[in-house]
C-alpha atoms as a PDB file:
ATOM      1  CA  MET A   1       0.000   0.000   0.000  1.00  0.00           C
ATOM      2  CA  ASN A   2       1.221   3.478  -0.798  1.00  0.00           C
ATOM      3  CA  SER A   3       0.816   6.445   1.553  1.00  0.00           C
ATOM      4  CA  ALA A   4      -2.281   7.746  -0.242  1.00  0.00           C
ATOM      5  CA  GLN A   5      -4.017   4.383   0.116  1.00  0.00           C
ATOM      6  CA  VAL A   6      -3.084   4.211   3.794  1.00  0.00           C
ATOM      7  CA  ASP A   7      -4.460   7.703   4.403  1.00  0.00           C
ATOM      8  CA  ALA A   8      -7.686   6.859   2.568  1.00  0.00           C
ATOM      9  CA  TYR A   9      -8.084   3.627   4.556  1.00  0.00           C
ATOM     10  CA  LEU A  10      -7.569   5.465   7.848  1.00  0.00           C
ATOM     11  CA  ARG A  11     -10.088   8.131   6.807  1.00  0.00           C
ATOM     12  CA  ARG A  12     -12.665   5.419   6.228  1.00  0.00           C
ATOM     13  CA  LEU A  13     -11.987   4.077   9.718  1.00  0.00           C
ATOM     14  CA  GLY A  14     -12.164   7.583  11.145  1.00  0.00           C
ATOM     15  CA  VAL A  15      -8.742   7.501  12.825  1.00  0.00           C
ATOM     16  CA  GLY A  16      -5.588   9.536  12.454  1.00  0.00           C
ATOM     17  CA  HIS A  17      -2.212   8.234  11.352  1.00  0.00           C
ATOM     18  CA  PRO A  18      -0.639   6.528  14.387  1.00  0.00           C
ATOM     19  CA  ALA A  19       2.868   7.402  15.494  1.00  0.00           C
ATOM     20  CA  TRP A  20       3.820   3.857  16.537  1.00  0.00           C
ATOM     21  CA  PRO A  21       2.434   0.352  16.001  1.00  0.00           C
ATOM     22  CA  THR A  22       1.433  -0.276  19.618  1.00  0.00           C
ATOM     23  CA  VAL A  23      -1.244  -2.505  21.095  1.00  0.00           C
ATOM     24  CA  ASP A  24      -3.421   0.504  21.931  1.00  0.00           C
ATOM     25  CA  VAL A  25      -3.320   1.530  18.281  1.00  0.00           C
ATOM     26  CA  LEU A  26      -4.136  -2.040  17.217  1.00  0.00           C
ATOM     27  CA  ARG A  27      -7.114  -2.098  19.589  1.00  0.00           C
ATOM     28  CA  GLU A  28      -8.464   1.155  18.164  1.00  0.00           C
ATOM     29  CA  LEU A  29      -7.950   0.047  14.563  1.00  0.00           C
ATOM     30  CA  GLN A  30      -9.687  -3.302  15.082  1.00  0.00           C
ATOM     31  CA  LEU A  31     -12.707  -1.780  16.823  1.00  0.00           C
ATOM     32  CA  ARG A  32     -13.098   0.986  14.252  1.00  0.00           C
ATOM     33  CA  HIS A  33     -12.770  -1.564  11.444  1.00  0.00           C
ATOM     34  CA  LEU A  34     -15.572  -3.637  12.948  1.00  0.00           C
ATOM     35  CA  GLN A  35     -17.736  -0.511  13.289  1.00  0.00           C
ATOM     36  CA  THR A  36     -17.174   0.909   9.798  1.00  0.00           C
ATOM     37  CA  VAL A  37     -16.357  -1.984   7.420  1.00  0.00           C
ATOM     38  CA  PRO A  38     -19.200  -4.524   7.328  1.00  0.00           C
ATOM     39  CA  PHE A  39     -18.796  -8.268   7.256  1.00  0.00           C
ATOM     40  CA  GLU A  40     -20.759  -9.083   4.090  1.00  0.00           C
ATOM     41  CA  ASN A  41     -21.092 -11.608   1.286  1.00  0.00           C
ATOM     42  CA  LEU A  42     -22.961  -9.422  -1.207  1.00  0.00           C
ATOM     43  CA  SER A  43     -20.458  -9.926  -4.034  1.00  0.00           C
ATOM     44  CA  LEU A  44     -21.409 -13.594  -4.246  1.00  0.00           C
ATOM     45  CA  HIS A  45     -24.991 -12.616  -5.130  1.00  0.00           C
ATOM     46  CA  LEU A  46     -24.175  -9.634  -7.345  1.00  0.00           C
ATOM     47  CA  GLY A  47     -22.015 -11.550  -9.800  1.00  0.00           C
ATOM     48  CA  GLU A  48     -18.834  -9.851  -8.553  1.00  0.00           C
ATOM     49  CA  PRO A  49     -15.616 -11.885  -8.402  1.00  0.00           C
ATOM     50  CA  VAL A  50     -13.762 -12.355  -5.123  1.00  0.00           C
ATOM     51  CA  VAL A  51     -10.099 -11.714  -5.964  1.00  0.00           C
ATOM     52  CA  LEU A  52      -7.511 -12.299  -3.244  1.00  0.00           C
ATOM     53  CA  GLU A  53      -4.959  -9.737  -4.336  1.00  0.00           C
ATOM     54  CA  GLU A  54      -3.950  -6.897  -2.040  1.00  0.00           C
ATOM     55  CA  LYS A  55      -4.699  -4.098  -4.515  1.00  0.00           C
ATOM     56  CA  ARG A  56      -8.119  -5.499  -5.407  1.00  0.00           C
ATOM     57  CA  LEU A  57      -9.030  -5.918  -1.738  1.00  0.00           C
ATOM     58  CA  VAL A  58      -7.978  -2.375  -0.832  1.00  0.00           C
ATOM     59  CA  ASP A  59      -9.780  -0.985  -3.879  1.00  0.00           C
ATOM     60  CA  LYS A  60     -12.965  -2.761  -2.783  1.00  0.00           C
ATOM     61  CA  LEU A  61     -12.880  -1.708   0.867  1.00  0.00           C
ATOM     62  CA  VAL A  62     -11.479   1.792   0.446  1.00  0.00           C
ATOM     63  CA  GLY A  63     -12.245   2.823  -3.127  1.00  0.00           C
ATOM     64  CA  ALA A  64     -15.708   1.243  -3.384  1.00  0.00           C
ATOM     65  CA  GLY A  65     -16.637   1.604   0.297  1.00  0.00           C
ATOM     66  CA  ARG A  66     -17.554  -2.048   0.632  1.00  0.00           C
ATOM     67  CA  GLY A  67     -16.881  -4.838   3.115  1.00  0.00           C
ATOM     68  CA  GLY A  68     -16.366  -8.533   2.531  1.00  0.00           C
ATOM     69  CA  PHE A  69     -15.997 -11.906   4.167  1.00  0.00           C
ATOM     70  CA  CYS A  70     -12.975 -13.103   6.118  1.00  0.00           C
ATOM     71  CA  TYR A  71     -10.425 -13.429   3.316  1.00  0.00           C
ATOM     72  CA  GLU A  72     -11.239  -9.951   2.041  1.00  0.00           C
ATOM     73  CA  VAL A  73     -11.523  -7.868   5.205  1.00  0.00           C
ATOM     74  CA  ASN A  74      -8.715  -9.592   7.098  1.00  0.00           C
ATOM     75  CA  GLY A  75      -6.578  -9.578   3.954  1.00  0.00           C
ATOM     76  CA  ALA A  76      -7.022  -5.832   3.518  1.00  0.00           C
ATOM     77  CA  PHE A  77      -6.607  -5.189   7.263  1.00  0.00           C
ATOM     78  CA  ALA A  78      -3.316  -7.104   7.186  1.00  0.00           C
ATOM     79  CA  ALA A  79      -2.083  -4.855   4.370  1.00  0.00           C
ATOM     80  CA  LEU A  80      -2.985  -1.742   6.377  1.00  0.00           C
ATOM     81  CA  LEU A  81      -1.305  -3.019   9.537  1.00  0.00           C
ATOM     82  CA  LYS A  82       1.885  -3.894   7.659  1.00  0.00           C
ATOM     83  CA  ALA A  83       1.958  -0.442   6.087  1.00  0.00           C
ATOM     84  CA  LEU A  84       1.695   1.072   9.586  1.00  0.00           C
ATOM     85  CA  GLY A  85       4.686  -0.922  10.847  1.00  0.00           C
ATOM     86  CA  PHE A  86       3.023  -3.906  12.525  1.00  0.00           C
ATOM     87  CA  ASP A  87       4.526  -7.379  12.112  1.00  0.00           C
ATOM     88  CA  VAL A  88       1.644  -9.398  10.652  1.00  0.00           C
ATOM     89  CA  THR A  89       1.340 -13.123   9.927  1.00  0.00           C
ATOM     90  CA  LEU A  90      -1.602 -14.637   8.076  1.00  0.00           C
ATOM     91  CA  LEU A  91      -2.960 -17.795   9.728  1.00  0.00           C
ATOM     92  CA  ALA A  92      -5.379 -20.435   8.480  1.00  0.00           C
ATOM     93  CA  ALA A  93      -8.246 -21.761  10.577  1.00  0.00           C
ATOM     94  CA  ARG A  94     -11.089 -24.259  10.274  1.00  0.00           C
ATOM     95  CA  VAL A  95     -14.443 -23.143  11.617  1.00  0.00           C
ATOM     96  CA  TYR A  96     -16.376 -25.338  14.043  1.00  0.00           C
ATOM     97  CA  GLY A  97     -19.808 -26.358  12.839  1.00  0.00           C
ATOM     98  CA  LYS A  98     -22.413 -28.900  13.793  1.00  0.00           C
ATOM     99  CA  GLU A  99     -21.461 -31.712  16.171  1.00  0.00           C
ATOM    100  CA  GLY A 100     -17.985 -30.287  16.647  1.00  0.00           C
ATOM    101  CA  ARG A 101     -16.909 -30.842  13.053  1.00  0.00           C
ATOM    102  CA  THR A 102     -14.346 -28.478  11.629  1.00  0.00           C
ATOM    103  CA  GLY A 103     -14.649 -27.131   8.114  1.00  0.00           C
ATOM    104  CA  ILE A 104     -12.433 -27.293   5.067  1.00  0.00           C
ATOM    105  CA  PRO A 105      -8.725 -26.380   5.106  1.00  0.00           C
ATOM    106  CA  TYR A 106      -8.278 -22.606   4.686  1.00  0.00           C
ATOM    107  CA  ASP A 107     -11.836 -22.193   5.924  1.00  0.00           C
ATOM    108  CA  HIS A 108     -10.976 -18.903   7.611  1.00  0.00           C
ATOM    109  CA  LEU A 109      -8.189 -16.320   7.608  1.00  0.00           C
ATOM    110  CA  ALA A 110      -7.056 -14.668  10.858  1.00  0.00           C
ATOM    111  CA  LEU A 111      -4.064 -12.519  11.812  1.00  0.00           C
ATOM    112  CA  ARG A 112      -1.211 -12.848  14.281  1.00  0.00           C
ATOM    113  CA  VAL A 113       0.096  -9.363  15.008  1.00  0.00           C
ATOM    114  CA  ARG A 114       3.222  -8.280  16.881  1.00  0.00           C
ATOM    115  CA  THR A 115       3.432  -4.769  18.303  1.00  0.00           C
ATOM    116  CA  VAL A 116       6.454  -2.655  19.193  1.00  0.00           C
ATOM    117  CA  ASP A 117       5.557  -2.799  22.885  1.00  0.00           C
ATOM    118  CA  GLY A 118       6.209  -6.521  22.953  1.00  0.00           C
ATOM    119  CA  GLY A 119       2.847  -8.208  22.579  1.00  0.00           C
ATOM    120  CA  GLU A 120       1.518 -10.863  20.215  1.00  0.00           C
ATOM    121  CA  TRP A 121      -2.176 -10.657  19.369  1.00  0.00           C
ATOM    122  CA  LEU A 122      -4.895 -12.511  17.500  1.00  0.00           C
ATOM    123  CA  ALA A 123      -6.623  -9.878  15.367  1.00  0.00           C
ATOM    124  CA  ASP A 124      -9.778 -10.768  13.449  1.00  0.00           C
ATOM    125  CA  VAL A 125     -12.195  -8.377  11.731  1.00  0.00           C
ATOM    126  CA  GLY A 126     -13.756 -11.068   9.542  1.00  0.00           C
ATOM    127  CA  PHE A 127     -15.657 -13.522  11.729  1.00  0.00           C
ATOM    128  CA  GLY A 128     -19.007 -11.843  12.267  1.00  0.00           C
ATOM    129  CA  SER A 129     -19.862 -11.783  15.980  1.00  0.00           C
ATOM    130  CA  PHE A 130     -16.472 -12.112  17.649  1.00  0.00           C
ATOM    131  CA  SER A 131     -14.059 -10.173  19.843  1.00  0.00           C
ATOM    132  CA  HIS A 132     -14.114  -6.384  19.561  1.00  0.00           C
ATOM    133  CA  TRP A 133     -10.443  -6.108  20.493  1.00  0.00           C
ATOM    134  CA  PRO A 134      -7.393  -8.233  19.704  1.00  0.00           C
ATOM    135  CA  LEU A 135      -6.881 -11.265  21.927  1.00  0.00           C
ATOM    136  CA  ALA A 136      -3.546 -11.924  23.659  1.00  0.00           C
ATOM    137  CA  PHE A 137      -2.088 -14.762  21.593  1.00  0.00           C
ATOM    138  CA  GLY A 138      -0.113 -16.409  24.374  1.00  0.00           C
ATOM    139  CA  GLU A 139      -2.707 -16.045  27.137  1.00  0.00           C
ATOM    140  CA  ARG A 140      -4.427 -19.323  28.050  1.00  0.00           C
ATOM    141  CA  GLY A 141      -6.839 -17.972  30.631  1.00  0.00           C
ATOM    142  CA  GLU A 142     -10.118 -16.129  30.136  1.00  0.00           C
ATOM    143  CA  GLN A 143     -10.022 -12.869  28.203  1.00  0.00           C
ATOM    144  CA  VAL A 144     -13.039 -10.653  28.845  1.00  0.00           C
ATOM    145  CA  ASP A 145     -14.041  -8.610  25.815  1.00  0.00           C
ATOM    146  CA  ALA A 146     -17.051  -6.511  24.828  1.00  0.00           C
ATOM    147  CA  GLY A 147     -17.952  -9.323  22.425  1.00  0.00           C
ATOM    148  CA  GLY A 148     -17.839 -12.089  25.040  1.00  0.00           C
ATOM    149  CA  VAL A 149     -15.450 -14.141  27.161  1.00  0.00           C
ATOM    150  CA  PHE A 150     -12.675 -15.751  25.126  1.00  0.00           C
ATOM    151  CA  ARG A 151     -10.011 -18.384  25.616  1.00  0.00           C
ATOM    152  CA  ILE A 152      -7.194 -19.572  23.355  1.00  0.00           C
ATOM    153  CA  VAL A 153      -6.213 -23.116  24.275  1.00  0.00           C
ATOM    154  CA  GLU A 154      -4.045 -25.917  22.938  1.00  0.00           C
ATOM    155  CA  ALA A 155      -6.173 -28.017  20.577  1.00  0.00           C
ATOM    156  CA  GLY A 156      -7.019 -31.603  21.410  1.00  0.00           C
ATOM    157  CA  PRO A 157      -7.803 -34.457  18.986  1.00  0.00           C
ATOM    158  CA  ASP A 158     -10.311 -33.600  16.276  1.00  0.00           C
ATOM    159  CA  ARG A 159     -12.640 -36.469  17.122  1.00  0.00           C
ATOM    160  CA  ALA A 160     -15.291 -35.631  14.531  1.00  0.00           C
ATOM    161  CA  GLY A 161     -12.825 -35.448  11.680  1.00  0.00           C
ATOM    162  CA  VAL A 162     -11.997 -32.785   9.136  1.00  0.00           C
ATOM    163  CA  ARG A 163     -13.408 -32.562   5.624  1.00  0.00           C
ATOM    164  CA  GLY A 164     -10.556 -32.785   3.144  1.00  0.00           C
ATOM    165  CA  GLY A 165      -7.795 -32.514   5.716  1.00  0.00           C
ATOM    166  CA  SER A 166      -5.820 -34.211   8.448  1.00  0.00           C
ATOM    167  CA  ALA A 167      -7.235 -34.692  11.931  1.00  0.00           C
ATOM    168  CA  SER A 168      -3.869 -33.843  13.476  1.00  0.00           C
ATOM    169  CA  ALA A 169      -3.885 -30.981  15.972  1.00  0.00           C
ATOM    170  CA  ASP A 170      -0.105 -30.640  16.391  1.00  0.00           C
ATOM    171  CA  GLY A 171       0.520 -27.019  17.366  1.00  0.00           C
ATOM    172  CA  ASP A 172      -3.064 -25.983  16.623  1.00  0.00           C
ATOM    173  CA  LEU A 173      -5.067 -23.734  18.918  1.00  0.00           C
ATOM    174  CA  ASP A 174      -8.793 -23.662  19.640  1.00  0.00           C
ATOM    175  CA  VAL A 175     -10.393 -20.233  19.957  1.00  0.00           C
ATOM    176  CA  ILE A 176     -13.359 -20.405  22.340  1.00  0.00           C
ATOM    177  CA  MET A 177     -16.074 -17.781  22.838  1.00  0.00           C
ATOM    178  CA  ASP A 178     -18.451 -17.981  25.807  1.00  0.00           C
ATOM    179  CA  GLY A 179     -17.586 -21.652  26.257  1.00  0.00           C
ATOM    180  CA  SER A 180     -18.192 -22.622  22.624  1.00  0.00           C
ATOM    181  CA  PRO A 181     -15.298 -23.383  20.218  1.00  0.00           C
ATOM    182  CA  GLN A 182     -15.320 -21.012  17.246  1.00  0.00           C
ATOM    183  CA  TYR A 183     -12.384 -22.130  15.125  1.00  0.00           C
ATOM    184  CA  ARG A 184      -9.249 -24.240  15.146  1.00  0.00           C
ATOM    185  CA  LEU A 185      -6.240 -22.063  14.362  1.00  0.00           C
ATOM    186  CA  GLU A 186      -3.024 -23.248  12.764  1.00  0.00           C
ATOM    187  CA  THR A 187       0.178 -21.423  13.709  1.00  0.00           C
ATOM    188  CA  ARG A 188       2.107 -21.963  10.466  1.00  0.00           C
ATOM    189  CA  PRO A 189       2.533 -18.706   8.476  1.00  0.00           C
ATOM    190  CA  ARG A 190       0.513 -18.452   5.272  1.00  0.00           C
ATOM    191  CA  VAL A 191       0.289 -16.085   2.315  1.00  0.00           C
ATOM    192  CA  LEU A 192      -2.854 -14.626   0.789  1.00  0.00           C
ATOM    193  CA  GLY A 193      -2.685 -16.920  -2.239  1.00  0.00           C
ATOM    194  CA  ASP A 194      -3.005 -19.965   0.011  1.00  0.00           C
ATOM    195  CA  PHE A 195      -6.638 -19.023   0.673  1.00  0.00           C
ATOM    196  CA  VAL A 196      -7.800 -18.896  -2.962  1.00  0.00           C
ATOM    197  CA  ALA A 197      -9.220 -22.429  -2.866  1.00  0.00           C
ATOM    198  CA  GLY A 198     -11.105 -21.717   0.366  1.00  0.00           C
ATOM    199  CA  ALA A 199     -12.550 -18.503  -1.047  1.00  0.00           C
ATOM    200  CA  TRP A 200     -13.607 -20.341  -4.204  1.00  0.00           C
ATOM    201  CA  TRP A 201     -15.340 -23.074  -2.174  1.00  0.00           C
ATOM    202  CA  HIS A 202     -17.215 -20.582  -0.019  1.00  0.00           C
ATOM    203  CA  SER A 203     -18.186 -18.597  -3.127  1.00  0.00           C
ATOM    204  CA  THR A 204     -19.484 -21.547  -5.152  1.00  0.00           C
ATOM    205  CA  SER A 205     -20.292 -24.614  -3.068  1.00  0.00           C
ATOM    206  CA  PRO A 206     -23.956 -25.318  -2.274  1.00  0.00           C
ATOM    207  CA  GLU A 207     -22.683 -26.529   1.121  1.00  0.00           C
ATOM    208  CA  SER A 208     -21.319 -23.077   1.953  1.00  0.00           C
ATOM    209  CA  SER A 209     -23.532 -20.908   4.157  1.00  0.00           C
ATOM    210  CA  PHE A 210     -22.445 -17.897   2.096  1.00  0.00           C
ATOM    211  CA  THR A 211     -24.004 -19.201  -1.125  1.00  0.00           C
ATOM    212  CA  GLN A 212     -27.262 -19.955   0.692  1.00  0.00           C
ATOM    213  CA  SER A 213     -27.837 -16.606   2.373  1.00  0.00           C
ATOM    214  CA  LEU A 214     -27.221 -12.863   2.361  1.00  0.00           C
ATOM    215  CA  VAL A 215     -25.559 -11.082   5.252  1.00  0.00           C
ATOM    216  CA  CYS A 216     -24.273  -7.577   5.959  1.00  0.00           C
ATOM    217  CA  SER A 217     -23.293  -6.908   9.567  1.00  0.00           C
ATOM    218  CA  ARG A 218     -21.212  -4.562  11.690  1.00  0.00           C
ATOM    219  CA  VAL A 219     -20.602  -3.571  15.298  1.00  0.00           C
ATOM    220  CA  THR A 220     -22.480  -0.427  16.337  1.00  0.00           C
ATOM    221  CA  GLU A 221     -20.878   2.552  18.049  1.00  0.00           C
ATOM    222  CA  GLU A 222     -22.812   1.620  21.215  1.00  0.00           C
ATOM    223  CA  GLY A 223     -21.188  -1.829  21.280  1.00  0.00           C
ATOM    224  CA  GLY A 224     -24.085  -3.830  19.875  1.00  0.00           C
ATOM    225  CA  ARG A 225     -24.549  -5.143  16.330  1.00  0.00           C
ATOM    226  CA  ILE A 226     -26.675  -4.352  13.310  1.00  0.00           C
ATOM    227  CA  THR A 227     -27.309  -7.071  10.721  1.00  0.00           C
ATOM    228  CA  LEU A 228     -29.237  -7.160   7.472  1.00  0.00           C
ATOM    229  CA  ALA A 229     -29.862 -10.788   6.510  1.00  0.00           C
ATOM    230  CA  GLY A 230     -31.799 -10.804   3.273  1.00  0.00           C
ATOM    231  CA  ARG A 231     -34.598  -8.343   4.096  1.00  0.00           C
ATOM    232  CA  GLY A 232     -34.544  -8.970   7.843  1.00  0.00           C
ATOM    233  CA  LEU A 233     -32.953  -6.131   9.809  1.00  0.00           C
ATOM    234  CA  THR A 234     -31.810  -6.954  13.351  1.00  0.00           C
ATOM    235  CA  VAL A 235     -30.390  -4.376  15.758  1.00  0.00           C
ATOM    236  CA  THR A 236     -28.868  -5.900  18.890  1.00  0.00           C
ATOM    237  CA  GLY A 237     -28.049  -3.650  21.816  1.00  0.00           C
ATOM    238  CA  PRO A 238     -24.938  -4.013  23.990  1.00  0.00           C
ATOM    239  CA  ASP A 239     -27.210  -5.521  26.647  1.00  0.00           C
ATOM    240  CA  GLY A 240     -28.428  -8.216  24.241  1.00  0.00           C
ATOM    241  CA  THR A 241     -31.857  -6.722  23.528  1.00  0.00           C
ATOM    242  CA  ARG A 242     -32.990  -7.169  19.927  1.00  0.00           C
ATOM    243  CA  GLU A 243     -35.185  -5.220  17.546  1.00  0.00           C
ATOM    244  CA  VAL A 244     -36.192  -7.116  14.399  1.00  0.00           C
ATOM    245  CA  ARG A 245     -38.155  -5.892  11.404  1.00  0.00           C
ATOM    246  CA  GLU A 246     -38.716  -7.003   7.836  1.00  0.00           C
ATOM    247  CA  LEU A 247     -37.918  -4.508   5.105  1.00  0.00           C
ATOM    248  CA  GLY A 248     -40.287  -4.032   2.196  1.00  0.00           C
ATOM    249  CA  ALA A 249     -39.537  -2.479  -1.177  1.00  0.00           C
ATOM    250  CA  ASP A 250     -36.152  -2.621  -2.871  1.00  0.00           C
ATOM    251  CA  ASP A 251     -35.699   1.123  -2.325  1.00  0.00           C
ATOM    252  CA  GLU A 252     -35.954   0.610   1.437  1.00  0.00           C
ATOM    253  CA  VAL A 253     -33.393  -2.207   1.338  1.00  0.00           C
ATOM    254  CA  LEU A 254     -30.949  -0.105  -0.704  1.00  0.00           C
ATOM    255  CA  GLU A 255     -31.422   2.814   1.703  1.00  0.00           C
ATOM    256  CA  VAL A 256     -30.562   0.618   4.707  1.00  0.00           C
ATOM    257  CA  TYR A 257     -27.446  -0.669   2.977  1.00  0.00           C
ATOM    258  CA  ARG A 258     -26.447   2.935   2.261  1.00  0.00           C
ATOM    259  CA  GLU A 259     -27.419   4.655   5.501  1.00  0.00           C
ATOM    260  CA  ARG A 260     -26.635   1.940   8.045  1.00  0.00           C
ATOM    261  CA  PHE A 261     -23.648   0.205   6.412  1.00  0.00           C
ATOM    262  CA  GLY A 262     -22.196   2.787   4.014  1.00  0.00           C
ATOM    263  CA  VAL A 263     -22.657   0.338   1.128  1.00  0.00           C
ATOM    264  CA  VAL A 264     -23.995   1.921  -2.061  1.00  0.00           C
ATOM    265  CA  LEU A 265     -25.583  -0.593  -4.444  1.00  0.00           C
ATOM    266  CA  GLU A 266     -27.417  -0.186  -7.740  1.00  0.00           C
ATOM    267  CA  GLU A 267     -29.546  -3.279  -7.188  1.00  0.00           C
ATOM    268  CA  VAL A 268     -30.665  -5.491  -4.330  1.00  0.00           C
ATOM    269  CA  PRO A 269     -28.649  -8.732  -4.210  1.00  0.00           C
ATOM    270  CA  ARG A 270     -30.714 -11.905  -4.225  1.00  0.00           C
ATOM    271  CA  VAL A 271     -29.911 -15.493  -3.351  1.00  0.00           C
ATOM    272  CA  PRO A 272     -30.675 -17.711  -6.366  1.00  0.00           C
ATOM    273  CA  LYS A 273     -33.521 -20.148  -5.837  1.00  0.00           C
ATOM    274  CA  VAL A 274     -32.541 -23.783  -5.504  1.00  0.00           C
ATOM    275  CA  PRO A 275     -34.120 -25.901  -8.265  1.00  0.00           C
ATOM    276  CA  GLY A 276     -37.053 -27.791  -6.801  1.00  0.00           C
ATOM    277  CA  GLY A 277     -36.971 -25.725  -3.624  1.00  0.00           C
END
């Protein structure tokens, strides 16, 4: 990223250029990213390609004012952090699903970030409802966050098996939120190109939740969450209270995307109907 791109990215987040890559700066950047850049899969239902190249990701998030799913938002966030002087490593993870099964290899992209004040942190702006601030990578006790109570623990045997991958957990870590495992994290460094197959699967497979549904979601300034899933708008307060309403005409849907998420669209994305469904 060049200096103009960095400045534009920071303007979107609403923060100034930091003097040093410290943990306090990382905390502010992650929270502001979650508040301003939505987690969304709209490209999959608008006929837009998902291209895992740094320039294309930055152009989408900064130039087009969009969000994305994990590979896109964490990929772009990694580029910003590196440009600001952070030491960033891309890590692969497999998301826990039903009955404790983990997903495909390269199911998720997360970030290991080192700061100049000596810490190592798990940063993740691409997992939907998750931690608001980076988690201490080496801490094995509870970490209380605005998004929940988290633990990072050494992974045990993957009893339920892994689709398309090994069941070995050597060196892997389980990330747990409010007592429920979220994903199994590998510690081997990866590059953005490693995740192309995972992005393709999530963009095309009928087994992927992203091809079956529409989602656009972000953390609110009050610490809650606002989510537009199809035409259902849910606003969750920091105390867990929920307001749910169904949107009507396309114009109303486009206005919510624009006013509540900063996403300007020319048409409402739609999930294709399944033949026979």
